[in-house]
């Protein structure tokens, strides 16, 4: 059942006895060159889970994409950030006129 395979991916009760990690060729996501890391976990019951992490070097290693898949059943989940911006316009945050800075919050 693919849904159970996905749920099992996020369940930390069963730790894999064998994990293989490797670096894959860089890819570009949304204009950002990303380092790609793949981790393959092999569990005692025979199923494997593979995860790939895509980190943008020009954004201090921000995770732009995560791919997770479980076998058998080939359930696959992809999470991706798009149109990420790290610049902030000066007028994006306006300090309220009644703002008062405190050194320590009262208990």
PDB file of N, CA and C in Angstrom:
ATOM      1  N   UNK A   1       0.844  -1.181   0.000  1.00  0.00           N
ATOM      2  CA  UNK A   1       0.000   0.000   0.000  1.00  0.00           C
ATOM      3  C   UNK A   1       0.885   1.239   0.000  1.00  0.00           C
ATOM      4  N   UNK A   2       0.821   2.080  -1.035  1.00  0.00           N
ATOM      5  CA  UNK A   2       1.682   3.263  -1.117  1.00  0.00           C
ATOM      6  C   UNK A   2       1.495   4.238   0.045  1.00  0.00           C
ATOM      7  N   UNK A   3       0.275   4.388   0.543  1.00  0.00           N
ATOM      8  CA  UNK A   3       0.047   5.316   1.657  1.00  0.00           C
ATOM      9  C   UNK A   3       0.779   4.836   2.906  1.00  0.00           C
ATOM     10  N   UNK A   4       0.719   3.539   3.166  1.00  0.00           N
ATOM     11  CA  UNK A   4       1.435   2.995   4.318  1.00  0.00           C
ATOM     12  C   UNK A   4       2.944   3.158   4.151  1.00  0.00           C
ATOM     13  N   UNK A   5       3.431   3.017   2.934  1.00  0.00           N
ATOM     14  CA  UNK A   5       4.859   3.185   2.684  1.00  0.00           C
ATOM     15  C   UNK A   5       5.291   4.610   2.987  1.00  0.00           C
ATOM     16  N   UNK A   6       4.467   5.585   2.619  1.00  0.00           N
ATOM     17  CA  UNK A   6       4.782   6.989   2.908  1.00  0.00           C
ATOM     18  C   UNK A   6       4.752   7.226   4.408  1.00  0.00           C
ATOM     19  N   UNK A   7       3.724   6.718   5.082  1.00  0.00           N
ATOM     20  CA  UNK A   7       3.643   6.872   6.536  1.00  0.00           C
ATOM     21  C   UNK A   7       4.846   6.242   7.206  1.00  0.00           C
ATOM     22  N   UNK A   8       5.276   5.095   6.708  1.00  0.00           N
ATOM     23  CA  UNK A   8       6.409   4.404   7.293  1.00  0.00           C
ATOM     24  C   UNK A   8       7.685   5.223   7.121  1.00  0.00           C
ATOM     25  N   UNK A   9       7.771   5.995   6.041  1.00  0.00           N
ATOM     26  CA  UNK A   9       8.940   6.841   5.809  1.00  0.00           C
ATOM     27  C   UNK A   9       9.121   7.829   6.946  1.00  0.00           C
ATOM     28  N   UNK A  10       8.019   8.355   7.477  1.00  0.00           N
ATOM     29  CA  UNK A  10       8.086   9.353   8.536  1.00  0.00           C
ATOM     30  C   UNK A  10       8.046   8.740   9.929  1.00  0.00           C
ATOM     31  N   UNK A  11       7.984   7.438  10.029  1.00  0.00           N
ATOM     32  CA  UNK A  11       7.920   6.747  11.300  1.00  0.00           C
ATOM     33  C   UNK A  11       9.332   6.327  11.701  1.00  0.00           C
ATOM     34  N   UNK A  12       9.797   6.787  12.868  1.00  0.00           N
ATOM     35  CA  UNK A  12      11.171   6.504  13.257  1.00  0.00           C
ATOM     36  C   UNK A  12      11.301   5.306  14.200  1.00  0.00           C
ATOM     37  N   UNK A  13      10.277   4.487  14.309  1.00  0.00           N
ATOM     38  CA  UNK A  13      10.340   3.330  15.202  1.00  0.00           C
ATOM     39  C   UNK A  13      11.271   2.248  14.672  1.00  0.00           C
ATOM     40  N   UNK A  14      11.375   2.103  13.375  1.00  0.00           N
ATOM     41  CA  UNK A  14      12.202   1.059  12.785  1.00  0.00           C
ATOM     42  C   UNK A  14      13.403   1.716  12.102  1.00  0.00           C
ATOM     43  N   UNK A  15      14.576   1.594  12.699  1.00  0.00           N
ATOM     44  CA  UNK A  15      15.775   2.186  12.119  1.00  0.00           C
ATOM     45  C   UNK A  15      16.415   1.197  11.149  1.00  0.00           C
ATOM     46  N   UNK A  16      16.909   1.694  10.021  1.00  0.00           N
ATOM     47  CA  UNK A  16      17.524   0.791   9.042  1.00  0.00           C
ATOM     48  C   UNK A  16      18.909   0.348   9.517  1.00  0.00           C
ATOM     49  N   UNK A  17      19.232  -0.931   9.368  1.00  0.00           N
ATOM     50  CA  UNK A  17      20.569  -1.381   9.750  1.00  0.00           C
ATOM     51  C   UNK A  17      21.633  -0.993   8.723  1.00  0.00           C
ATOM     52  N   UNK A  18      21.189  -0.644   7.512  1.00  0.00           N
ATOM     53  CA  UNK A  18      22.150  -0.283   6.464  1.00  0.00           C
ATOM     54  C   UNK A  18      21.685   0.973   5.748  1.00  0.00           C
ATOM     55  N   UNK A  19      22.575   1.949   5.652  1.00  0.00           N
ATOM     56  CA  UNK A  19      22.278   3.205   4.953  1.00  0.00           C
ATOM     57  C   UNK A  19      23.440   3.513   4.026  1.00  0.00           C
ATOM     58  N   UNK A  20      23.116   3.794   2.783  1.00  0.00           N
ATOM     59  CA  UNK A  20      24.123   4.156   1.789  1.00  0.00           C
ATOM     60  C   UNK A  20      23.892   5.604   1.389  1.00  0.00           C
ATOM     61  N   UNK A  21      24.944   6.397   1.411  1.00  0.00           N
ATOM     62  CA  UNK A  21      24.834   7.810   1.052  1.00  0.00           C
ATOM     63  C   UNK A  21      25.808   8.099  -0.076  1.00  0.00           C
ATOM     64  N   UNK A  22      25.347   8.899  -1.037  1.00  0.00           N
ATOM     65  CA  UNK A  22      26.241   9.291  -2.125  1.00  0.00           C
ATOM     66  C   UNK A  22      25.872  10.681  -2.625  1.00  0.00           C
ATOM     67  N   UNK A  23      26.853  11.320  -3.258  1.00  0.00           N
ATOM     68  CA  UNK A  23      26.663  12.639  -3.849  1.00  0.00           C
ATOM     69  C   UNK A  23      26.375  12.440  -5.328  1.00  0.00           C
ATOM     70  N   UNK A  24      25.317  13.072  -5.816  1.00  0.00           N
ATOM     71  CA  UNK A  24      24.941  12.983  -7.230  1.00  0.00           C
ATOM     72  C   UNK A  24      25.362  14.271  -7.938  1.00  0.00           C
ATOM     73  N   UNK A  25      25.347  14.283  -9.269  1.00  0.00           N
ATOM     74  CA  UNK A  25      25.697  15.510 -10.002  1.00  0.00           C
ATOM     75  C   UNK A  25      24.748  16.654  -9.652  1.00  0.00           C
ATOM     76  N   UNK A  26      25.291  17.867  -9.683  1.00  0.00           N
ATOM     77  CA  UNK A  26      24.481  19.044  -9.387  1.00  0.00           C
ATOM     78  C   UNK A  26      23.389  19.226 -10.434  1.00  0.00           C
ATOM     79  N   UNK A  27      22.276  19.832 -10.009  1.00  0.00           N
ATOM     80  CA  UNK A  27      21.180  20.167 -10.915  1.00  0.00           C
ATOM     81  C   UNK A  27      20.753  21.601 -10.634  1.00  0.00           C
ATOM     82  N   UNK A  28      20.057  22.192 -11.582  1.00  0.00           N
ATOM     83  CA  UNK A  28      19.550  23.548 -11.415  1.00  0.00           C
ATOM     84  C   UNK A  28      18.050  23.471 -11.152  1.00  0.00           C
ATOM     85  N   UNK A  29      17.618  24.093 -10.067  1.00  0.00           N
ATOM     86  CA  UNK A  29      16.203  24.167  -9.709  1.00  0.00           C
ATOM     87  C   UNK A  29      15.844  25.631  -9.563  1.00  0.00           C
ATOM     88  N   UNK A  30      14.893  26.068 -10.349  1.00  0.00           N
ATOM     89  CA  UNK A  30      14.399  27.450 -10.278  1.00  0.00           C
ATOM     90  C   UNK A  30      15.542  28.465 -10.379  1.00  0.00           C
ATOM     91  N   UNK A  31      16.541  28.146 -11.222  1.00  0.00           N
ATOM     92  CA  UNK A  31      17.660  29.052 -11.449  1.00  0.00           C
ATOM     93  C   UNK A  31      18.787  28.946 -10.432  1.00  0.00           C
ATOM     94  N   UNK A  32      18.712  28.000  -9.494  1.00  0.00           N
ATOM     95  CA  UNK A  32      19.739  27.841  -8.465  1.00  0.00           C
ATOM     96  C   UNK A  32      20.458  26.510  -8.657  1.00  0.00           C
ATOM     97  N   UNK A  33      21.784  26.564  -8.688  1.00  0.00           N
ATOM     98  CA  UNK A  33      22.568  25.342  -8.794  1.00  0.00           C
ATOM     99  C   UNK A  33      22.542  24.631  -7.445  1.00  0.00           C
ATOM    100  N   UNK A  34      22.126  23.363  -7.461  1.00  0.00           N
ATOM    101  CA  UNK A  34      21.936  22.610  -6.219  1.00  0.00           C
ATOM    102  C   UNK A  34      22.849  21.399  -6.141  1.00  0.00           C
ATOM    103  N   UNK A  35      23.458  21.217  -4.980  1.00  0.00           N
ATOM    104  CA  UNK A  35      24.162  19.979  -4.672  1.00  0.00           C
ATOM    105  C   UNK A  35      23.092  18.939  -4.355  1.00  0.00           C
ATOM    106  N   UNK A  36      23.304  17.706  -4.814  1.00  0.00           N
ATOM    107  CA  UNK A  36      22.301  16.655  -4.627  1.00  0.00           C
ATOM    108  C   UNK A  36      22.917  15.523  -3.805  1.00  0.00           C
ATOM    109  N   UNK A  37      22.223  15.174  -2.730  1.00  0.00           N
ATOM    110  CA  UNK A  37      22.660  14.087  -1.849  1.00  0.00           C
ATOM    111  C   UNK A  37      21.574  13.023  -1.818  1.00  0.00           C
ATOM    112  N   UNK A  38      21.980  11.786  -2.014  1.00  0.00           N
ATOM    113  CA  UNK A  38      21.023  10.680  -2.003  1.00  0.00           C
ATOM    114  C   UNK A  38      21.356   9.743  -0.851  1.00  0.00           C
ATOM    115  N   UNK A  39      20.311   9.338  -0.143  1.00  0.00           N
ATOM    116  CA  UNK A  39      20.479   8.402   0.954  1.00  0.00           C
ATOM    117  C   UNK A  39      19.512   7.239   0.746  1.00  0.00           C
ATOM    118  N   UNK A  40      20.063   6.038   0.718  1.00  0.00           N
ATOM    119  CA  UNK A  40      19.253   4.832   0.508  1.00  0.00           C
ATOM    120  C   UNK A  40      19.328   3.993   1.774  1.00  0.00           C
ATOM    121  N   UNK A  41      18.163   3.709   2.351  1.00  0.00           N
ATOM    122  CA  UNK A  41      18.077   2.929   3.581  1.00  0.00           C
ATOM    123  C   UNK A  41      17.482   1.564   3.269  1.00  0.00           C
ATOM    124  N   UNK A  42      18.152   0.529   3.766  1.00  0.00           N
ATOM    125  CA  UNK A  42      17.674  -0.837   3.556  1.00  0.00           C
ATOM    126  C   UNK A  42      17.238  -1.378   4.922  1.00  0.00           C
ATOM    127  N   UNK A  43      15.986  -1.821   5.015  1.00  0.00           N
ATOM    128  CA  UNK A  43      15.395  -2.261   6.276  1.00  0.00           C
ATOM    129  C   UNK A  43      15.386  -3.781   6.378  1.00  0.00           C
ATOM    130  N   UNK A  44      15.294  -4.319   7.615  1.00  0.00           N
ATOM    131  CA  UNK A  44      15.324  -5.771   7.815  1.00  0.00           C
ATOM    132  C   UNK A  44      14.212  -6.518   7.078  1.00  0.00           C
ATOM    133  N   UNK A  45      13.064  -5.878   6.885  1.00  0.00           N
ATOM    134  CA  UNK A  45      11.958  -6.569   6.212  1.00  0.00           C
ATOM    135  C   UNK A  45      12.114  -6.593   4.689  1.00  0.00           C
ATOM    136  N   UNK A  46      13.212  -6.001   4.178  1.00  0.00           N
ATOM    137  CA  UNK A  46      13.486  -6.056   2.745  1.00  0.00           C
ATOM    138  C   UNK A  46      13.108  -4.806   1.972  1.00  0.00           C
ATOM    139  N   UNK A  47      12.329  -3.919   2.554  1.00  0.00           N
ATOM    140  CA  UNK A  47      11.965  -2.724   1.783  1.00  0.00           C
ATOM    141  C   UNK A  47      13.097  -1.696   1.859  1.00  0.00           C
ATOM    142  N   UNK A  48      13.151  -0.857   0.853  1.00  0.00           N
ATOM    143  CA  UNK A  48      14.154   0.209   0.808  1.00  0.00           C
ATOM    144  C   UNK A  48      13.447   1.542   0.689  1.00  0.00           C
ATOM    145  N   UNK A  49      14.109   2.565   1.188  1.00  0.00           N
ATOM    146  CA  UNK A  49      13.620   3.934   1.065  1.00  0.00           C
ATOM    147  C   UNK A  49      14.771   4.780   0.557  1.00  0.00           C
ATOM    148  N   UNK A  50      14.482   5.600  -0.427  1.00  0.00           N
ATOM    149  CA  UNK A  50      15.496   6.460  -1.010  1.00  0.00           C
ATOM    150  C   UNK A  50      15.057   7.902  -0.871  1.00  0.00           C
ATOM    151  N   UNK A  51      15.961   8.733  -0.395  1.00  0.00           N
ATOM    152  CA  UNK A  51      15.680  10.156  -0.269  1.00  0.00           C
ATOM    153  C   UNK A  51      16.759  10.954  -0.957  1.00  0.00           C
ATOM    154  N   UNK A  52      16.360  11.992  -1.643  1.00  0.00           N
ATOM    155  CA  UNK A  52      17.306  12.892  -2.295  1.00  0.00           C
ATOM    156  C   UNK A  52      17.048  14.304  -1.779  1.00  0.00           C
ATOM    157  N   UNK A  53      18.119  15.000  -1.443  1.00  0.00           N
ATOM    158  CA  UNK A  53      18.041  16.370  -0.936  1.00  0.00           C
ATOM    159  C   UNK A  53      18.779  17.274  -1.917  1.00  0.00           C
ATOM    160  N   UNK A  54      18.149  18.367  -2.304  1.00  0.00           N
ATOM    161  CA  UNK A  54      18.718  19.308  -3.271  1.00  0.00           C
ATOM    162  C   UNK A  54      18.951  20.633  -2.542  1.00  0.00           C
ATOM    163  N   UNK A  55      20.219  21.000  -2.347  1.00  0.00           N
ATOM    164  CA  UNK A  55      20.572  22.195  -1.577  1.00  0.00           C
ATOM    165  C   UNK A  55      21.194  23.260  -2.480  1.00  0.00           C
ATOM    166  N   UNK A  56      20.645  24.474  -2.410  1.00  0.00           N
ATOM    167  CA  UNK A  56      21.104  25.592  -3.240  1.00  0.00           C
ATOM    168  C   UNK A  56      22.345  26.231  -2.627  1.00  0.00           C
ATOM    169  N   UNK A  57      23.455  26.152  -3.339  1.00  0.00           N
ATOM    170  CA  UNK A  57      24.709  26.715  -2.849  1.00  0.00           C
ATOM    171  C   UNK A  57      24.683  28.219  -2.719  1.00  0.00           C
ATOM    172  N   UNK A  58      23.988  28.900  -3.632  1.00  0.00           N
ATOM    173  CA  UNK A  58      23.943  30.362  -3.592  1.00  0.00           C
ATOM    174  C   UNK A  58      22.959  30.889  -2.550  1.00  0.00           C
ATOM    175  N   UNK A  59      22.296  29.983  -1.835  1.00  0.00           N
ATOM    176  CA  UNK A  59      21.347  30.385  -0.794  1.00  0.00           C
ATOM    177  C   UNK A  59      21.732  29.723   0.536  1.00  0.00           C
ATOM    178  N   UNK A  60      23.038  29.634   0.774  1.00  0.00           N
ATOM    179  CA  UNK A  60      23.580  29.069   2.022  1.00  0.00           C
ATOM    180  C   UNK A  60      23.104  27.640   2.279  1.00  0.00           C
ATOM    181  N   UNK A  61      22.932  26.866   1.219  1.00  0.00           N
ATOM    182  CA  UNK A  61      22.541  25.463   1.375  1.00  0.00           C
ATOM    183  C   UNK A  61      21.071  25.232   1.654  1.00  0.00           C
ATOM    184  N   UNK A  62      20.231  26.225   1.355  1.00  0.00           N
ATOM    185  CA  UNK A  62      18.792  26.079   1.580  1.00  0.00           C
ATOM    186  C   UNK A  62      18.269  24.875   0.810  1.00  0.00           C
ATOM    187  N   UNK A  63      17.470  24.070   1.462  1.00  0.00           N
ATOM    188  CA  UNK A  63      16.876  22.879   0.859  1.00  0.00           C
ATOM    189  C   UNK A  63      15.749  23.317  -0.076  1.00  0.00           C
ATOM    190  N   UNK A  64      15.923  23.117  -1.396  1.00  0.00           N
ATOM    191  CA  UNK A  64      14.903  23.526  -2.361  1.00  0.00           C
ATOM    192  C   UNK A  64      13.989  22.382  -2.782  1.00  0.00           C
ATOM    193  N   UNK A  65      14.488  21.158  -2.671  1.00  0.00           N
ATOM    194  CA  UNK A  65      13.680  20.018  -3.110  1.00  0.00           C
ATOM    195  C   UNK A  65      14.050  18.790  -2.284  1.00  0.00           C
ATOM    196  N   UNK A  66      13.027  17.996  -1.976  1.00  0.00           N
ATOM    197  CA  UNK A  66      13.217  16.718  -1.297  1.00  0.00           C
ATOM    198  C   UNK A  66      12.403  15.688  -2.053  1.00  0.00           C
ATOM    199  N   UNK A  67      13.033  14.594  -2.407  1.00  0.00           N
ATOM    200  CA  UNK A  67      12.340  13.478  -3.057  1.00  0.00           C
ATOM    201  C   UNK A  67      12.457  12.272  -2.136  1.00  0.00           C
ATOM    202  N   UNK A  68      11.350  11.604  -1.894  1.00  0.00           N
ATOM    203  CA  UNK A  68      11.341  10.403  -1.055  1.00  0.00           C
ATOM    204  C   UNK A  68      10.548   9.330  -1.774  1.00  0.00           C
ATOM    205  N   UNK A  69      11.095   8.125  -1.797  1.00  0.00           N
ATOM    206  CA  UNK A  69      10.360   7.022  -2.396  1.00  0.00           C
ATOM    207  C   UNK A  69      10.635   5.747  -1.626  1.00  0.00           C
ATOM    208  N   UNK A  70       9.622   4.902  -1.577  1.00  0.00           N
ATOM    209  CA  UNK A  70       9.716   3.625  -0.874  1.00  0.00           C
ATOM    210  C   UNK A  70       9.472   2.503  -1.861  1.00  0.00           C
ATOM    211  N   UNK A  71      10.234   1.421  -1.705  1.00  0.00           N
ATOM    212  CA  UNK A  71      10.072   0.238  -2.552  1.00  0.00           C
ATOM    213  C   UNK A  71       9.865  -0.958  -1.652  1.00  0.00           C
ATOM    214  N   UNK A  72       9.123  -1.967  -1.948  1.00  0.00           N
ATOM    215  CA  UNK A  72       8.322  -2.084  -3.158  1.00  0.00           C
ATOM    216  C   UNK A  72       7.086  -1.184  -3.083  1.00  0.00           C
ATOM    217  N   UNK A  73       6.460  -0.963  -4.179  1.00  0.00           N
ATOM    218  CA  UNK A  73       5.273  -0.127  -4.238  1.00  0.00           C
ATOM    219  C   UNK A  73       5.533   1.207  -4.901  1.00  0.00           C
ATOM    220  N   UNK A  74       6.784   1.641  -4.874  1.00  0.00           N
ATOM    221  CA  UNK A  74       7.206   2.870  -5.550  1.00  0.00           C
ATOM    222  C   UNK A  74       6.378   4.096  -5.202  1.00  0.00           C
ATOM    223  N   UNK A  75       5.992   4.229  -3.933  1.00  0.00           N
ATOM    224  CA  UNK A  75       5.353   5.473  -3.503  1.00  0.00           C
ATOM    225  C   UNK A  75       6.409   6.563  -3.565  1.00  0.00           C
ATOM    226  N   UNK A  76       6.050   7.719  -4.123  1.00  0.00           N
ATOM    227  CA  UNK A  76       7.027   8.795  -4.280  1.00  0.00           C
ATOM    228  C   UNK A  76       6.413  10.118  -3.851  1.00  0.00           C
ATOM    229  N   UNK A  77       7.162  10.856  -3.030  1.00  0.00           N
ATOM    230  CA  UNK A  77       6.714  12.163  -2.557  1.00  0.00           C
ATOM    231  C   UNK A  77       7.795  13.171  -2.925  1.00  0.00           C
ATOM    232  N   UNK A  78       7.370  14.274  -3.538  1.00  0.00           N
ATOM    233  CA  UNK A  78       8.303  15.342  -3.898  1.00  0.00           C
ATOM    234  C   UNK A  78       7.805  16.635  -3.269  1.00  0.00           C
ATOM    235  N   UNK A  79       8.704  17.287  -2.542  1.00  0.00           N
ATOM    236  CA  UNK A  79       8.393  18.584  -1.950  1.00  0.00           C
ATOM    237  C   UNK A  79       9.399  19.572  -2.523  1.00  0.00           C
ATOM    238  N   UNK A  80       8.900  20.703  -3.027  1.00  0.00           N
ATOM    239  CA  UNK A  80       9.798  21.648  -3.676  1.00  0.00           C
ATOM    240  C   UNK A  80       9.412  23.078  -3.329  1.00  0.00           C
ATOM    241  N   UNK A  81      10.420  23.893  -3.086  1.00  0.00           N
ATOM    242  CA  UNK A  81      10.207  25.334  -2.884  1.00  0.00           C
ATOM    243  C   UNK A  81      10.465  26.018  -4.214  1.00  0.00           C
ATOM    244  N   UNK A  82       9.599  26.951  -4.565  1.00  0.00           N
ATOM    245  CA  UNK A  82       9.765  27.693  -5.821  1.00  0.00           C
ATOM    246  C   UNK A  82       9.702  29.183  -5.555  1.00  0.00           C
ATOM    247  N   UNK A  83      10.319  29.931  -6.425  1.00  0.00           N
ATOM    248  CA  UNK A  83      10.317  31.392  -6.358  1.00  0.00           C
ATOM    249  C   UNK A  83      10.775  31.877  -4.983  1.00  0.00           C
ATOM    250  N   UNK A  84      11.854  31.271  -4.485  1.00  0.00           N
ATOM    251  CA  UNK A  84      12.405  31.644  -3.182  1.00  0.00           C
ATOM    252  C   UNK A  84      13.259  32.892  -3.349  1.00  0.00           C
ATOM    253  N   UNK A  85      13.079  33.828  -2.443  1.00  0.00           N
ATOM    254  CA  UNK A  85      13.873  35.056  -2.469  1.00  0.00           C
ATOM    255  C   UNK A  85      14.405  35.329  -1.080  1.00  0.00           C
ATOM    256  N   UNK A  86      15.660  35.743  -1.012  1.00  0.00           N
ATOM    257  CA  UNK A  86      16.228  36.039   0.289  1.00  0.00           C
ATOM    258  C   UNK A  86      16.449  37.540   0.504  1.00  0.00           C
ATOM    259  N   UNK A  87      16.219  38.328  -0.537  1.00  0.00           N
ATOM    260  CA  UNK A  87      16.329  39.774  -0.363  1.00  0.00           C
ATOM    261  C   UNK A  87      15.018  40.302   0.217  1.00  0.00           C
ATOM    262  N   UNK A  88      15.140  41.311   1.043  1.00  0.00           N
ATOM    263  CA  UNK A  88      13.954  41.915   1.644  1.00  0.00           C
ATOM    264  C   UNK A  88      13.984  43.407   1.347  1.00  0.00           C
ATOM    265  N   UNK A  89      12.907  43.901   0.793  1.00  0.00           N
ATOM    266  CA  UNK A  89      12.811  45.335   0.503  1.00  0.00           C
ATOM    267  C   UNK A  89      12.783  46.112   1.824  1.00  0.00           C
ATOM    268  N   UNK A  90      13.438  47.255   1.875  1.00  0.00           N
ATOM    269  CA  UNK A  90      13.480  48.026   3.120  1.00  0.00           C
ATOM    270  C   UNK A  90      12.087  48.377   3.667  1.00  0.00           C
ATOM    271  N   UNK A  91      11.117  48.535   2.782  1.00  0.00           N
ATOM    272  CA  UNK A  91       9.783  48.907   3.258  1.00  0.00           C
ATOM    273  C   UNK A  91       8.897  47.695   3.580  1.00  0.00           C
ATOM    274  N   UNK A  92       9.467  46.485   3.544  1.00  0.00           N
ATOM    275  CA  UNK A  92       8.685  45.284   3.838  1.00  0.00           C
ATOM    276  C   UNK A  92       8.300  45.206   5.313  1.00  0.00           C
ATOM    277  N   UNK A  93       9.143  45.759   6.168  1.00  0.00           N
ATOM    278  CA  UNK A  93       8.867  45.758   7.599  1.00  0.00           C
ATOM    279  C   UNK A  93       8.900  47.186   8.118  1.00  0.00           C
ATOM    280  N   UNK A  94       7.815  47.609   8.686  1.00  0.00           N
ATOM    281  CA  UNK A  94       7.733  48.956   9.249  1.00  0.00           C
ATOM    282  C   UNK A  94       7.586  48.809  10.760  1.00  0.00           C
ATOM    283  N   UNK A  95       8.510  49.427  11.497  1.00  0.00           N
ATOM    284  CA  UNK A  95       8.468  49.365  12.952  1.00  0.00           C
ATOM    285  C   UNK A  95       7.338  50.271  13.438  1.00  0.00           C
ATOM    286  N   UNK A  96       6.437  49.725  14.254  1.00  0.00           N
ATOM    287  CA  UNK A  96       5.340  50.559  14.782  1.00  0.00           C
ATOM    288  C   UNK A  96       5.880  51.734  15.598  1.00  0.00           C
ATOM    289  N   UNK A  97       5.182  52.841  15.556  1.00  0.00           N
ATOM    290  CA  UNK A  97       5.655  54.039  16.264  1.00  0.00           C
ATOM    291  C   UNK A  97       5.685  53.841  17.771  1.00  0.00           C
ATOM    292  N   UNK A  98       4.865  52.945  18.312  1.00  0.00           N
ATOM    293  CA  UNK A  98       4.856  52.727  19.760  1.00  0.00           C
ATOM    294  C   UNK A  98       5.762  51.566  20.194  1.00  0.00           C
ATOM    295  N   UNK A  99       6.637  51.092  19.303  1.00  0.00           N
ATOM    296  CA  UNK A  99       7.537  49.988  19.623  1.00  0.00           C
ATOM    297  C   UNK A  99       8.553  50.420  20.663  1.00  0.00           C
ATOM    298  N   UNK A 100       8.768  49.557  21.678  1.00  0.00           N
ATOM    299  CA  UNK A 100       9.780  49.806  22.703  1.00  0.00           C
ATOM    300  C   UNK A 100      10.638  48.560  22.825  1.00  0.00           C
ATOM    301  N   UNK A 101      11.920  48.748  22.702  1.00  0.00           N
ATOM    302  CA  UNK A 101      12.851  47.628  22.818  1.00  0.00           C
ATOM    303  C   UNK A 101      13.064  47.306  24.293  1.00  0.00           C
ATOM    304  N   UNK A 102      13.054  46.009  24.608  1.00  0.00           N
ATOM    305  CA  UNK A 102      13.328  45.576  25.972  1.00  0.00           C
ATOM    306  C   UNK A 102      14.524  44.645  25.943  1.00  0.00           C
ATOM    307  N   UNK A 103      15.343  44.715  26.962  1.00  0.00           N
ATOM    308  CA  UNK A 103      16.518  43.850  27.053  1.00  0.00           C
ATOM    309  C   UNK A 103      16.142  42.447  27.515  1.00  0.00           C
ATOM    310  N   UNK A 104      15.132  42.354  28.367  1.00  0.00           N
ATOM    311  CA  UNK A 104      14.763  41.065  28.935  1.00  0.00           C
ATOM    312  C   UNK A 104      13.238  41.051  29.152  1.00  0.00           C
ATOM    313  N   UNK A 105      12.616  39.969  28.772  1.00  0.00           N
ATOM    314  CA  UNK A 105      11.175  39.855  28.963  1.00  0.00           C
ATOM    315  C   UNK A 105      10.873  39.566  30.433  1.00  0.00           C
ATOM    316  N   UNK A 106       9.838  40.191  30.978  1.00  0.00           N
ATOM    317  CA  UNK A 106       9.474  39.907  32.380  1.00  0.00           C
ATOM    318  C   UNK A 106       8.973  38.473  32.524  1.00  0.00           C
ATOM    319  N   UNK A 107       9.225  37.896  33.687  1.00  0.00           N
ATOM    320  CA  UNK A 107       8.796  36.518  33.943  1.00  0.00           C
ATOM    321  C   UNK A 107       7.474  36.457  34.616  1.00  0.00           C
TER     322      UNK A 107
END
